[in-house]
Amino acid sequence: MRLAFAAALLAGTAALAQERPKGPDEIPVRYGLPYKAKAYPQGTPKEALESVIAAADKGEVSYLVAHLLDPAFVDGRVGDRARQFEPAVEAGLARKRDAQRQDPAGVRDEDRVPVEPDKFRARVAADAKSAAFAQLVRDVGEKLADDPEVLKDLRRFNRQGTFPENPGEAAKVGLPEVRDRAVYLKKVGDRWYVENRQSEEKVGDKK
């Protein structure tokens, strides 16, 4: 099964809708990456699918993960991994903090590890989250490199698939000759995202 892009890569859930559409300048930076409305539009299901393909073709996997896949799924996966990374990150920062205490004169302010417990914990959480996102991006990039059929299938559905005219908050892109697979997208606010499933049953659901 290769047609569910996010499912083929990982797994996911639903996201909260925004109260009103936001302009490109109002959309928050995600994982250090600003939103690129012109380069990767998401105003319709077809635009979103084309943007996923374009980002993958350009090697902008970080942007693809941050802005084009189901945000609740990405945030959930990053959160889970960040908790796994925290012990190692904390140990590394503690060693760095102790070394900086011994030679404080040679440390730039922006590189200084906080000594205060609350600030130190916040730094651990932030660094663990960054590490988790980087690992997720590597996983997706490796999947794309190892299995070129994923993008090949997405291009086929984008080129030949049937897109709903009035999709509402969800869209299914199918092919007449393919009954057991489809590309699913969801709308959050005024933008569309690729979901993590390839059939009516969501990944992880039991029959």
N, C-alpha and C. Protein backbone atom coordinates (compact mmCIF):
# COMPACT_ATOMS: atom_id res chain seq x y z
N MET A 1 0.85 -1.20 0.00
CA MET A 1 0.00 0.00 0.00
C MET A 1 0.88 1.25 0.00
N ARG A 2 0.78 2.11 -1.01
CA ARG A 2 1.67 3.25 -1.08
C ARG A 2 0.93 4.57 -1.21
N LEU A 3 -0.41 4.52 -1.40
CA LEU A 3 -1.09 5.73 -1.81
C LEU A 3 -1.27 6.76 -0.73
N ALA A 4 -1.38 6.36 0.53
CA ALA A 4 -1.54 7.34 1.60
C ALA A 4 -0.17 7.87 1.95
N PHE A 5 0.10 9.10 1.57
CA PHE A 5 1.45 9.65 1.70
C PHE A 5 1.91 9.66 3.14
N ALA A 6 1.14 10.34 4.01
CA ALA A 6 1.55 10.40 5.41
C ALA A 6 1.48 9.03 6.06
N ALA A 7 0.50 8.23 5.69
CA ALA A 7 0.39 6.89 6.27
C ALA A 7 1.57 6.04 5.83
N ALA A 8 1.96 6.18 4.59
CA ALA A 8 3.11 5.41 4.12
C ALA A 8 4.37 5.81 4.84
N LEU A 9 4.39 7.04 5.32
CA LEU A 9 5.57 7.53 6.02
C LEU A 9 5.46 7.31 7.52
N LEU A 10 4.29 7.61 8.10
CA LEU A 10 4.15 7.57 9.56
C LEU A 10 2.71 7.24 9.99
N ALA A 11 2.05 8.13 10.86
CA ALA A 11 0.67 7.94 11.34
C ALA A 11 0.07 9.22 11.92
N GLY A 12 -1.29 9.45 12.12
CA GLY A 12 -1.81 10.75 12.58
C GLY A 12 -3.23 10.87 13.09
N THR A 13 -3.76 12.13 13.29
CA THR A 13 -5.10 12.39 13.85
C THR A 13 -5.71 13.65 13.27
N ALA A 14 -6.60 14.35 14.03
CA ALA A 14 -7.28 15.54 13.54
C ALA A 14 -6.74 16.80 14.18
N ALA A 15 -6.98 17.96 13.53
CA ALA A 15 -6.47 19.23 14.04
C ALA A 15 -7.61 20.18 14.34
N LEU A 16 -7.34 21.21 15.15
CA LEU A 16 -8.34 22.21 15.49
C LEU A 16 -8.48 23.22 14.38
N ALA A 17 -9.70 23.60 14.06
CA ALA A 17 -9.93 24.61 13.04
C ALA A 17 -9.66 26.00 13.60
N GLN A 18 -9.19 26.89 12.75
CA GLN A 18 -8.95 28.26 13.15
C GLN A 18 -10.25 29.05 13.04
N GLU A 19 -10.35 30.13 13.79
CA GLU A 19 -11.59 30.89 13.81
C GLU A 19 -11.80 31.66 12.51
N ARG A 20 -10.74 32.14 11.88
CA ARG A 20 -10.89 32.89 10.64
C ARG A 20 -9.65 32.66 9.79
N PRO A 21 -9.78 32.83 8.48
CA PRO A 21 -8.61 32.67 7.62
C PRO A 21 -7.52 33.68 7.98
N LYS A 22 -6.29 33.26 7.89
CA LYS A 22 -5.17 34.14 8.19
C LYS A 22 -4.37 34.41 6.93
N GLY A 23 -3.84 35.63 6.85
CA GLY A 23 -2.95 35.96 5.77
C GLY A 23 -1.61 35.31 5.99
N PRO A 24 -0.78 35.22 4.92
CA PRO A 24 0.53 34.58 5.05
C PRO A 24 1.38 35.16 6.17
N ASP A 25 1.29 36.46 6.38
CA ASP A 25 2.10 37.08 7.42
C ASP A 25 1.62 36.74 8.83
N GLU A 26 0.37 36.29 8.95
CA GLU A 26 -0.20 35.98 10.26
C GLU A 26 0.00 34.52 10.66
N ILE A 27 0.30 33.66 9.70
CA ILE A 27 0.43 32.24 9.99
C ILE A 27 1.73 31.98 10.74
N PRO A 28 1.65 31.33 11.88
CA PRO A 28 2.85 31.16 12.72
C PRO A 28 3.94 30.35 12.03
N VAL A 29 5.15 30.67 12.38
CA VAL A 29 6.29 29.86 11.97
C VAL A 29 6.16 28.51 12.66
N ARG A 30 6.39 27.43 11.94
CA ARG A 30 6.33 26.09 12.51
C ARG A 30 7.71 25.44 12.42
N TYR A 31 8.22 25.06 13.58
CA TYR A 31 9.52 24.40 13.65
C TYR A 31 10.60 25.22 12.95
N GLY A 32 10.51 26.54 13.13
CA GLY A 32 11.51 27.44 12.58
C GLY A 32 11.33 27.77 11.11
N LEU A 33 10.24 27.29 10.50
CA LEU A 33 10.02 27.47 9.06
C LEU A 33 8.81 28.35 8.80
N PRO A 34 8.98 29.49 8.11
CA PRO A 34 7.85 30.35 7.79
C PRO A 34 6.98 29.75 6.69
N TYR A 35 5.73 30.13 6.69
CA TYR A 35 4.76 29.66 5.71
C TYR A 35 5.05 30.30 4.35
N LYS A 36 5.02 29.51 3.28
CA LYS A 36 5.29 29.99 1.92
C LYS A 36 4.02 29.86 1.07
N ALA A 37 3.17 30.87 1.17
CA ALA A 37 1.87 30.79 0.51
C ALA A 37 1.99 30.75 -1.01
N LYS A 38 2.92 31.51 -1.58
CA LYS A 38 3.04 31.58 -3.03
C LYS A 38 3.71 30.33 -3.60
N ALA A 39 4.75 29.86 -2.93
CA ALA A 39 5.48 28.70 -3.42
C ALA A 39 4.68 27.41 -3.27
N TYR A 40 3.93 27.31 -2.14
CA TYR A 40 3.20 26.09 -1.85
C TYR A 40 1.78 26.41 -1.39
N PRO A 41 0.91 26.77 -2.32
CA PRO A 41 -0.48 27.11 -1.96
C PRO A 41 -1.24 25.89 -1.44
N GLN A 42 -2.21 26.15 -0.56
CA GLN A 42 -3.01 25.09 0.04
C GLN A 42 -4.49 25.47 0.07
N GLY A 43 -4.90 26.33 -0.87
CA GLY A 43 -6.27 26.82 -0.84
C GLY A 43 -7.31 25.80 -1.26
N THR A 44 -6.91 24.76 -1.99
CA THR A 44 -7.81 23.70 -2.42
C THR A 44 -7.11 22.36 -2.21
N PRO A 45 -7.87 21.27 -2.21
CA PRO A 45 -7.22 19.96 -2.09
C PRO A 45 -6.18 19.72 -3.18
N LYS A 46 -6.47 20.11 -4.40
CA LYS A 46 -5.52 19.89 -5.50
C LYS A 46 -4.26 20.72 -5.30
N GLU A 47 -4.41 21.96 -4.87
CA GLU A 47 -3.24 22.78 -4.59
C GLU A 47 -2.36 22.15 -3.51
N ALA A 48 -3.00 21.64 -2.48
CA ALA A 48 -2.24 21.04 -1.38
C ALA A 48 -1.47 19.81 -1.85
N LEU A 49 -2.12 18.96 -2.64
CA LEU A 49 -1.45 17.77 -3.14
C LEU A 49 -0.31 18.15 -4.08
N GLU A 50 -0.54 19.13 -4.93
CA GLU A 50 0.52 19.59 -5.83
C GLU A 50 1.68 20.21 -5.04
N SER A 51 1.38 20.88 -3.95
CA SER A 51 2.43 21.48 -3.12
C SER A 51 3.27 20.41 -2.44
N VAL A 52 2.63 19.34 -1.99
CA VAL A 52 3.38 18.22 -1.40
C VAL A 52 4.36 17.65 -2.41
N ILE A 53 3.88 17.43 -3.63
CA ILE A 53 4.73 16.88 -4.68
C ILE A 53 5.86 17.84 -5.01
N ALA A 54 5.54 19.13 -5.12
CA ALA A 54 6.56 20.13 -5.45
C ALA A 54 7.62 20.23 -4.36
N ALA A 55 7.21 20.23 -3.10
CA ALA A 55 8.17 20.32 -2.00
C ALA A 55 9.09 19.11 -1.98
N ALA A 56 8.51 17.93 -2.24
CA ALA A 56 9.34 16.72 -2.28
C ALA A 56 10.31 16.77 -3.44
N ASP A 57 9.86 17.23 -4.59
CA ASP A 57 10.73 17.32 -5.76
C ASP A 57 11.90 18.27 -5.52
N LYS A 58 11.65 19.34 -4.77
CA LYS A 58 12.69 20.33 -4.51
C LYS A 58 13.57 19.97 -3.31
N GLY A 59 13.25 18.86 -2.67
CA GLY A 59 14.02 18.46 -1.50
C GLY A 59 13.71 19.25 -0.25
N GLU A 60 12.60 19.98 -0.24
CA GLU A 60 12.22 20.77 0.93
C GLU A 60 11.35 19.91 1.86
N VAL A 61 11.96 18.84 2.35
CA VAL A 61 11.23 17.89 3.19
C VAL A 61 10.84 18.53 4.52
N SER A 62 11.71 19.38 5.06
CA SER A 62 11.39 20.05 6.32
C SER A 62 10.11 20.87 6.19
N TYR A 63 9.98 21.61 5.09
CA TYR A 63 8.77 22.41 4.89
C TYR A 63 7.56 21.50 4.69
N LEU A 64 7.73 20.43 3.93
CA LEU A 64 6.65 19.49 3.69
C LEU A 64 6.09 18.98 5.01
N VAL A 65 6.97 18.57 5.90
CA VAL A 65 6.53 18.03 7.18
C VAL A 65 5.91 19.12 8.05
N ALA A 66 6.51 20.28 8.08
CA ALA A 66 6.04 21.35 8.97
C ALA A 66 4.71 21.95 8.54
N HIS A 67 4.50 22.09 7.23
CA HIS A 67 3.35 22.88 6.77
C HIS A 67 2.36 22.15 5.86
N LEU A 68 2.72 20.99 5.32
CA LEU A 68 1.83 20.37 4.33
C LEU A 68 1.19 19.07 4.79
N LEU A 69 1.76 18.43 5.80
CA LEU A 69 1.13 17.25 6.37
C LEU A 69 0.22 17.66 7.52
N ASP A 70 -0.74 16.80 7.83
CA ASP A 70 -1.69 17.02 8.92
C ASP A 70 -0.95 17.55 10.15
N PRO A 71 -1.21 18.80 10.56
CA PRO A 71 -0.43 19.39 11.65
C PRO A 71 -0.59 18.69 12.99
N ALA A 72 -1.79 18.18 13.28
CA ALA A 72 -1.98 17.48 14.55
C ALA A 72 -1.18 16.19 14.58
N PHE A 73 -1.12 15.51 13.45
CA PHE A 73 -0.32 14.30 13.35
C PHE A 73 1.16 14.60 13.56
N VAL A 74 1.66 15.62 12.87
CA VAL A 74 3.07 15.98 12.99
C VAL A 74 3.40 16.39 14.42
N ASP A 75 2.57 17.25 15.00
CA ASP A 75 2.82 17.71 16.37
C ASP A 75 2.78 16.56 17.37
N GLY A 76 1.85 15.62 17.16
CA GLY A 76 1.76 14.47 18.04
C GLY A 76 3.00 13.59 17.95
N ARG A 77 3.45 13.33 16.72
CA ARG A 77 4.64 12.50 16.55
C ARG A 77 5.88 13.19 17.12
N VAL A 78 6.01 14.49 16.87
CA VAL A 78 7.15 15.23 17.42
C VAL A 78 7.11 15.22 18.94
N GLY A 79 5.93 15.41 19.52
CA GLY A 79 5.82 15.40 20.98
C GLY A 79 6.21 14.07 21.58
N ASP A 80 5.77 12.98 20.95
CA ASP A 80 6.11 11.65 21.45
C ASP A 80 7.63 11.42 21.41
N ARG A 81 8.23 11.80 20.30
CA ARG A 81 9.67 11.58 20.16
C ARG A 81 10.47 12.52 21.06
N ALA A 82 9.98 13.72 21.22
CA ALA A 82 10.69 14.67 22.08
C ALA A 82 10.81 14.12 23.50
N ARG A 83 9.76 13.49 23.99
CA ARG A 83 9.82 12.91 25.34
C ARG A 83 10.86 11.80 25.41
N GLN A 84 11.04 11.08 24.33
CA GLN A 84 12.06 10.03 24.30
C GLN A 84 13.46 10.63 24.28
N PHE A 85 13.61 11.77 23.61
CA PHE A 85 14.93 12.40 23.47
C PHE A 85 15.34 13.19 24.71
N GLU A 86 14.38 13.57 25.55
CA GLU A 86 14.68 14.49 26.64
C GLU A 86 15.79 14.03 27.58
N PRO A 87 15.83 12.75 28.00
CA PRO A 87 16.91 12.36 28.92
C PRO A 87 18.31 12.61 28.34
N ALA A 88 18.52 12.25 27.09
CA ALA A 88 19.83 12.45 26.48
C ALA A 88 20.12 13.93 26.28
N VAL A 89 19.11 14.68 25.88
CA VAL A 89 19.29 16.12 25.69
C VAL A 89 19.62 16.78 27.02
N GLU A 90 18.91 16.40 28.07
CA GLU A 90 19.15 16.98 29.39
C GLU A 90 20.57 16.68 29.86
N ALA A 91 21.01 15.45 29.67
CA ALA A 91 22.36 15.08 30.10
C ALA A 91 23.42 15.89 29.34
N GLY A 92 23.21 16.05 28.04
CA GLY A 92 24.16 16.81 27.24
C GLY A 92 24.21 18.28 27.63
N LEU A 93 23.04 18.86 27.87
CA LEU A 93 23.00 20.26 28.27
C LEU A 93 23.59 20.47 29.66
N ALA A 94 23.38 19.50 30.54
CA ALA A 94 23.95 19.61 31.88
C ALA A 94 25.48 19.61 31.83
N ARG A 95 26.04 18.75 30.97
CA ARG A 95 27.50 18.74 30.81
C ARG A 95 28.00 20.06 30.24
N LYS A 96 27.26 20.57 29.26
CA LYS A 96 27.65 21.84 28.65
C LYS A 96 27.54 22.98 29.65
N ARG A 97 26.49 22.97 30.44
CA ARG A 97 26.29 24.01 31.46
C ARG A 97 27.43 23.99 32.48
N ASP A 98 27.81 22.78 32.91
CA ASP A 98 28.88 22.68 33.90
C ASP A 98 30.21 23.15 33.32
N ALA A 99 30.46 22.83 32.05
CA ALA A 99 31.70 23.28 31.42
C ALA A 99 31.72 24.80 31.28
N GLN A 100 30.57 25.39 30.99
CA GLN A 100 30.48 26.84 30.86
C GLN A 100 30.70 27.53 32.21
N ARG A 101 30.27 26.90 33.27
CA ARG A 101 30.48 27.47 34.60
C ARG A 101 31.97 27.56 34.92
N GLN A 102 32.74 26.58 34.45
CA GLN A 102 34.17 26.56 34.73
C GLN A 102 34.92 27.60 33.91
N ASP A 103 34.39 27.94 32.72
CA ASP A 103 35.04 28.92 31.86
C ASP A 103 33.99 29.88 31.29
N PRO A 104 33.37 30.70 32.14
CA PRO A 104 32.28 31.57 31.69
C PRO A 104 32.72 32.68 30.75
N ALA A 105 33.95 33.06 30.79
CA ALA A 105 34.40 34.19 29.98
C ALA A 105 34.37 33.88 28.49
N GLY A 106 34.53 32.62 28.11
CA GLY A 106 34.60 32.28 26.70
C GLY A 106 33.27 31.90 26.08
N VAL A 107 32.16 32.15 26.76
CA VAL A 107 30.84 31.73 26.28
C VAL A 107 30.03 32.95 25.84
N ARG A 108 29.52 32.88 24.61
CA ARG A 108 28.64 33.95 24.14
C ARG A 108 27.28 33.82 24.81
N ASP A 109 26.61 34.95 24.99
CA ASP A 109 25.32 34.94 25.67
C ASP A 109 24.31 34.02 24.99
N GLU A 110 24.30 34.02 23.65
CA GLU A 110 23.32 33.22 22.92
C GLU A 110 23.61 31.72 23.02
N ASP A 111 24.85 31.35 23.41
CA ASP A 111 25.21 29.94 23.54
C ASP A 111 25.14 29.45 24.99
N ARG A 112 24.88 30.35 25.91
CA ARG A 112 24.93 29.99 27.32
C ARG A 112 23.72 29.14 27.72
N VAL A 113 23.97 28.03 28.37
CA VAL A 113 22.90 27.17 28.88
C VAL A 113 22.39 27.77 30.18
N PRO A 114 21.08 27.95 30.34
CA PRO A 114 20.56 28.57 31.56
C PRO A 114 20.90 27.76 32.82
N VAL A 115 21.15 28.47 33.88
CA VAL A 115 21.43 27.84 35.17
C VAL A 115 20.14 27.68 35.98
N GLU A 116 19.24 28.64 35.86
CA GLU A 116 17.98 28.60 36.61
C GLU A 116 17.19 27.34 36.22
N PRO A 117 16.67 26.58 37.20
CA PRO A 117 15.97 25.32 36.91
C PRO A 117 14.84 25.44 35.89
N ASP A 118 13.98 26.45 36.03
CA ASP A 118 12.85 26.61 35.11
C ASP A 118 13.33 26.87 33.69
N LYS A 119 14.31 27.75 33.56
CA LYS A 119 14.84 28.06 32.23
C LYS A 119 15.60 26.88 31.64
N PHE A 120 16.28 26.14 32.50
CA PHE A 120 17.01 24.96 32.02
C PHE A 120 16.04 23.93 31.48
N ARG A 121 14.94 23.68 32.20
CA ARG A 121 13.94 22.72 31.74
C ARG A 121 13.32 23.17 30.42
N ALA A 122 13.07 24.46 30.30
CA ALA A 122 12.50 24.98 29.05
C ALA A 122 13.46 24.76 27.89
N ARG A 123 14.77 24.94 28.15
CA ARG A 123 15.78 24.71 27.11
C ARG A 123 15.83 23.24 26.72
N VAL A 124 15.74 22.36 27.70
CA VAL A 124 15.73 20.92 27.42
C VAL A 124 14.54 20.57 26.53
N ALA A 125 13.36 21.09 26.89
CA ALA A 125 12.16 20.78 26.12
C ALA A 125 12.28 21.31 24.69
N ALA A 126 12.79 22.52 24.54
CA ALA A 126 12.91 23.12 23.20
C ALA A 126 13.91 22.36 22.35
N ASP A 127 15.06 21.99 22.93
CA ASP A 127 16.07 21.27 22.16
C ASP A 127 15.61 19.85 21.82
N ALA A 128 14.88 19.22 22.73
CA ALA A 128 14.36 17.88 22.45
C ALA A 128 13.32 17.93 21.34
N LYS A 129 12.50 18.98 21.33
CA LYS A 129 11.50 19.15 20.28
C LYS A 129 12.18 19.36 18.93
N SER A 130 13.23 20.17 18.90
CA SER A 130 13.97 20.40 17.66
C SER A 130 14.60 19.11 17.15
N ALA A 131 15.16 18.34 18.07
CA ALA A 131 15.77 17.07 17.68
C ALA A 131 14.73 16.09 17.16
N ALA A 132 13.56 16.07 17.78
CA ALA A 132 12.49 15.17 17.34
C ALA A 132 11.99 15.55 15.96
N PHE A 133 11.83 16.84 15.71
CA PHE A 133 11.39 17.27 14.38
C PHE A 133 12.44 16.92 13.33
N ALA A 134 13.70 17.13 13.64
CA ALA A 134 14.77 16.79 12.70
C ALA A 134 14.77 15.30 12.38
N GLN A 135 14.50 14.47 13.39
CA GLN A 135 14.45 13.03 13.14
C GLN A 135 13.27 12.67 12.27
N LEU A 136 12.12 13.32 12.50
CA LEU A 136 10.94 13.07 11.68
C LEU A 136 11.21 13.44 10.23
N VAL A 137 11.87 14.56 10.02
CA VAL A 137 12.21 14.99 8.66
C VAL A 137 13.15 13.98 8.01
N ARG A 138 14.12 13.48 8.76
CA ARG A 138 15.03 12.47 8.20
C ARG A 138 14.27 11.21 7.82
N ASP A 139 13.32 10.81 8.66
CA ASP A 139 12.54 9.60 8.36
C ASP A 139 11.75 9.76 7.07
N VAL A 140 11.11 10.93 6.91
CA VAL A 140 10.33 11.18 5.70
C VAL A 140 11.24 11.24 4.48
N GLY A 141 12.36 11.93 4.61
CA GLY A 141 13.30 12.02 3.51
C GLY A 141 13.83 10.67 3.08
N GLU A 142 14.14 9.82 4.06
CA GLU A 142 14.62 8.48 3.74
C GLU A 142 13.54 7.64 3.07
N LYS A 143 12.29 7.80 3.52
CA LYS A 143 11.18 7.07 2.90
C LYS A 143 11.02 7.48 1.44
N LEU A 144 11.10 8.76 1.17
CA LEU A 144 10.97 9.24 -0.20
C LEU A 144 12.11 8.72 -1.07
N ALA A 145 13.32 8.69 -0.51
CA ALA A 145 14.47 8.22 -1.27
C ALA A 145 14.42 6.71 -1.50
N ASP A 146 13.99 5.98 -0.49
CA ASP A 146 13.99 4.52 -0.58
C ASP A 146 12.81 3.97 -1.37
N ASP A 147 11.72 4.72 -1.41
CA ASP A 147 10.50 4.23 -2.08
C ASP A 147 9.97 5.29 -3.04
N PRO A 148 10.55 5.43 -4.22
CA PRO A 148 10.10 6.44 -5.18
C PRO A 148 8.67 6.23 -5.66
N GLU A 149 8.11 5.04 -5.42
CA GLU A 149 6.73 4.78 -5.83
C GLU A 149 5.74 5.66 -5.06
N VAL A 150 6.13 6.14 -3.87
CA VAL A 150 5.23 7.00 -3.10
C VAL A 150 4.88 8.25 -3.91
N LEU A 151 5.91 8.95 -4.40
CA LEU A 151 5.66 10.15 -5.20
C LEU A 151 5.05 9.81 -6.54
N LYS A 152 5.46 8.71 -7.11
CA LYS A 152 4.89 8.29 -8.40
C LYS A 152 3.39 8.10 -8.28
N ASP A 153 2.96 7.48 -7.20
CA ASP A 153 1.52 7.27 -6.97
C ASP A 153 0.80 8.59 -6.72
N LEU A 154 1.43 9.48 -5.95
CA LEU A 154 0.80 10.78 -5.70
C LEU A 154 0.63 11.56 -6.99
N ARG A 155 1.63 11.51 -7.85
CA ARG A 155 1.52 12.21 -9.14
C ARG A 155 0.38 11.63 -9.98
N ARG A 156 0.24 10.34 -9.93
CA ARG A 156 -0.83 9.71 -10.68
C ARG A 156 -2.19 10.15 -10.17
N PHE A 157 -2.38 10.18 -8.87
CA PHE A 157 -3.66 10.61 -8.32
C PHE A 157 -3.89 12.09 -8.58
N ASN A 158 -2.84 12.89 -8.53
CA ASN A 158 -2.99 14.31 -8.81
C ASN A 158 -3.36 14.55 -10.27
N ARG A 159 -2.78 13.76 -11.14
CA ARG A 159 -2.99 13.94 -12.58
C ARG A 159 -4.30 13.31 -13.07
N GLN A 160 -4.64 12.15 -12.54
CA GLN A 160 -5.78 11.41 -13.06
C GLN A 160 -6.93 11.28 -12.07
N GLY A 161 -6.70 11.63 -10.83
CA GLY A 161 -7.71 11.43 -9.80
C GLY A 161 -8.89 12.37 -9.90
N THR A 162 -9.98 11.97 -9.27
CA THR A 162 -11.19 12.77 -9.22
C THR A 162 -11.23 13.57 -7.92
N PHE A 163 -11.18 14.90 -8.05
CA PHE A 163 -11.24 15.78 -6.88
C PHE A 163 -12.68 16.23 -6.66
N PRO A 164 -13.16 16.23 -5.42
CA PRO A 164 -14.54 16.67 -5.15
C PRO A 164 -14.72 18.15 -5.45
N GLU A 165 -15.87 18.52 -6.00
CA GLU A 165 -16.13 19.92 -6.34
C GLU A 165 -16.41 20.75 -5.10
N ASN A 166 -17.13 20.20 -4.13
CA ASN A 166 -17.45 20.91 -2.89
C ASN A 166 -17.04 20.03 -1.71
N PRO A 167 -15.77 20.02 -1.38
CA PRO A 167 -15.26 19.06 -0.41
C PRO A 167 -15.62 19.31 1.05
N GLY A 168 -16.08 20.52 1.39
CA GLY A 168 -16.34 20.79 2.80
C GLY A 168 -15.06 20.83 3.61
N GLU A 169 -14.96 19.99 4.64
CA GLU A 169 -13.78 19.97 5.51
C GLU A 169 -12.87 18.78 5.24
N ALA A 170 -13.27 17.90 4.31
CA ALA A 170 -12.46 16.73 4.00
C ALA A 170 -12.60 16.41 2.52
N ALA A 171 -11.56 15.82 1.96
CA ALA A 171 -11.57 15.49 0.54
C ALA A 171 -10.93 14.13 0.31
N LYS A 172 -11.55 13.38 -0.59
CA LYS A 172 -11.02 12.08 -1.01
C LYS A 172 -10.75 12.15 -2.50
N VAL A 173 -9.51 11.86 -2.88
CA VAL A 173 -9.12 11.86 -4.28
C VAL A 173 -8.95 10.41 -4.71
N GLY A 174 -9.81 9.98 -5.63
CA GLY A 174 -9.78 8.59 -6.04
C GLY A 174 -9.61 8.40 -7.53
N LEU A 175 -9.37 7.16 -7.90
CA LEU A 175 -9.30 6.75 -9.30
C LEU A 175 -10.36 5.67 -9.53
N PRO A 176 -11.09 5.74 -10.64
CA PRO A 176 -12.15 4.75 -10.88
C PRO A 176 -11.66 3.31 -10.82
N GLU A 177 -10.45 3.07 -11.32
CA GLU A 177 -9.95 1.69 -11.39
C GLU A 177 -9.28 1.23 -10.09
N VAL A 178 -9.15 2.13 -9.11
CA VAL A 178 -8.53 1.78 -7.82
C VAL A 178 -9.59 1.94 -6.73
N ARG A 179 -10.08 0.83 -6.22
CA ARG A 179 -11.19 0.88 -5.28
C ARG A 179 -10.76 0.85 -3.81
N ASP A 180 -9.59 0.31 -3.54
CA ASP A 180 -9.20 0.12 -2.15
C ASP A 180 -8.24 1.17 -1.64
N ARG A 181 -7.90 2.17 -2.45
CA ARG A 181 -6.94 3.19 -2.04
C ARG A 181 -7.38 4.55 -2.56
N ALA A 182 -6.95 5.59 -1.86
CA ALA A 182 -7.24 6.97 -2.26
C ALA A 182 -6.28 7.89 -1.52
N VAL A 183 -6.27 9.14 -1.91
CA VAL A 183 -5.52 10.17 -1.18
C VAL A 183 -6.54 11.00 -0.41
N TYR A 184 -6.32 11.16 0.88
CA TYR A 184 -7.24 11.91 1.73
C TYR A 184 -6.59 13.20 2.19
N LEU A 185 -7.38 14.26 2.20
CA LEU A 185 -6.92 15.55 2.67
C LEU A 185 -7.94 16.13 3.64
N LYS A 186 -7.49 17.03 4.50
CA LYS A 186 -8.37 17.66 5.47
C LYS A 186 -8.15 19.16 5.44
N LYS A 187 -9.17 19.90 5.81
CA LYS A 187 -9.09 21.36 5.84
C LYS A 187 -9.00 21.83 7.28
N VAL A 188 -8.03 22.67 7.55
CA VAL A 188 -7.88 23.30 8.86
C VAL A 188 -7.83 24.79 8.62
N GLY A 189 -8.84 25.51 9.09
CA GLY A 189 -8.94 26.92 8.77
C GLY A 189 -9.20 27.08 7.28
N ASP A 190 -8.32 27.78 6.58
CA ASP A 190 -8.49 27.97 5.15
C ASP A 190 -7.44 27.19 4.34
N ARG A 191 -6.76 26.23 4.97
CA ARG A 191 -5.72 25.48 4.27
C ARG A 191 -5.99 23.98 4.29
N TRP A 192 -5.52 23.31 3.25
CA TRP A 192 -5.68 21.87 3.12
C TRP A 192 -4.36 21.16 3.39
N TYR A 193 -4.47 19.98 3.99
CA TYR A 193 -3.31 19.17 4.34
C TYR A 193 -3.53 17.72 3.92
N VAL A 194 -2.45 17.03 3.59
CA VAL A 194 -2.54 15.61 3.29
C VAL A 194 -2.68 14.84 4.60
N GLU A 195 -3.66 13.92 4.62
CA GLU A 195 -3.89 13.11 5.82
C GLU A 195 -3.03 11.86 5.80
N ASN A 196 -3.17 11.10 6.87
CA ASN A 196 -2.32 9.93 7.09
C ASN A 196 -3.07 8.62 6.90
N ARG A 197 -3.85 8.54 5.88
CA ARG A 197 -4.59 7.31 5.63
C ARG A 197 -4.79 7.11 4.14
N GLN A 198 -5.14 5.88 3.76
CA GLN A 198 -5.36 5.60 2.36
C GLN A 198 -6.71 4.94 2.09
N SER A 199 -7.50 4.74 3.16
CA SER A 199 -8.82 4.14 3.00
C SER A 199 -9.79 4.85 3.93
N GLU A 200 -11.07 4.46 3.87
CA GLU A 200 -12.09 5.08 4.72
C GLU A 200 -11.77 4.87 6.20
N GLU A 201 -11.12 3.77 6.50
CA GLU A 201 -10.72 3.49 7.88
C GLU A 201 -9.39 4.17 8.15
N LYS A 202 -9.31 4.97 9.21
CA LYS A 202 -8.07 5.68 9.54
C LYS A 202 -7.03 4.70 10.06
N VAL A 203 -5.77 5.08 9.84
CA VAL A 203 -4.68 4.26 10.31
C VAL A 203 -4.77 4.11 11.83
N GLY A 204 -4.64 2.88 12.29
CA GLY A 204 -4.70 2.65 13.74
C GLY A 204 -6.08 2.22 14.20
N ASP A 205 -7.14 2.46 13.39
CA ASP A 205 -8.48 2.02 13.75
C ASP A 205 -8.59 0.51 13.59
N LYS A 206 -9.43 -0.10 14.40
CA LYS A 206 -9.65 -1.53 14.29
C LYS A 206 -11.02 -1.78 13.69
N LYS A 207 -11.08 -2.83 12.88
CA LYS A 207 -12.37 -3.20 12.29
C LYS A 207 -13.23 -3.94 13.32
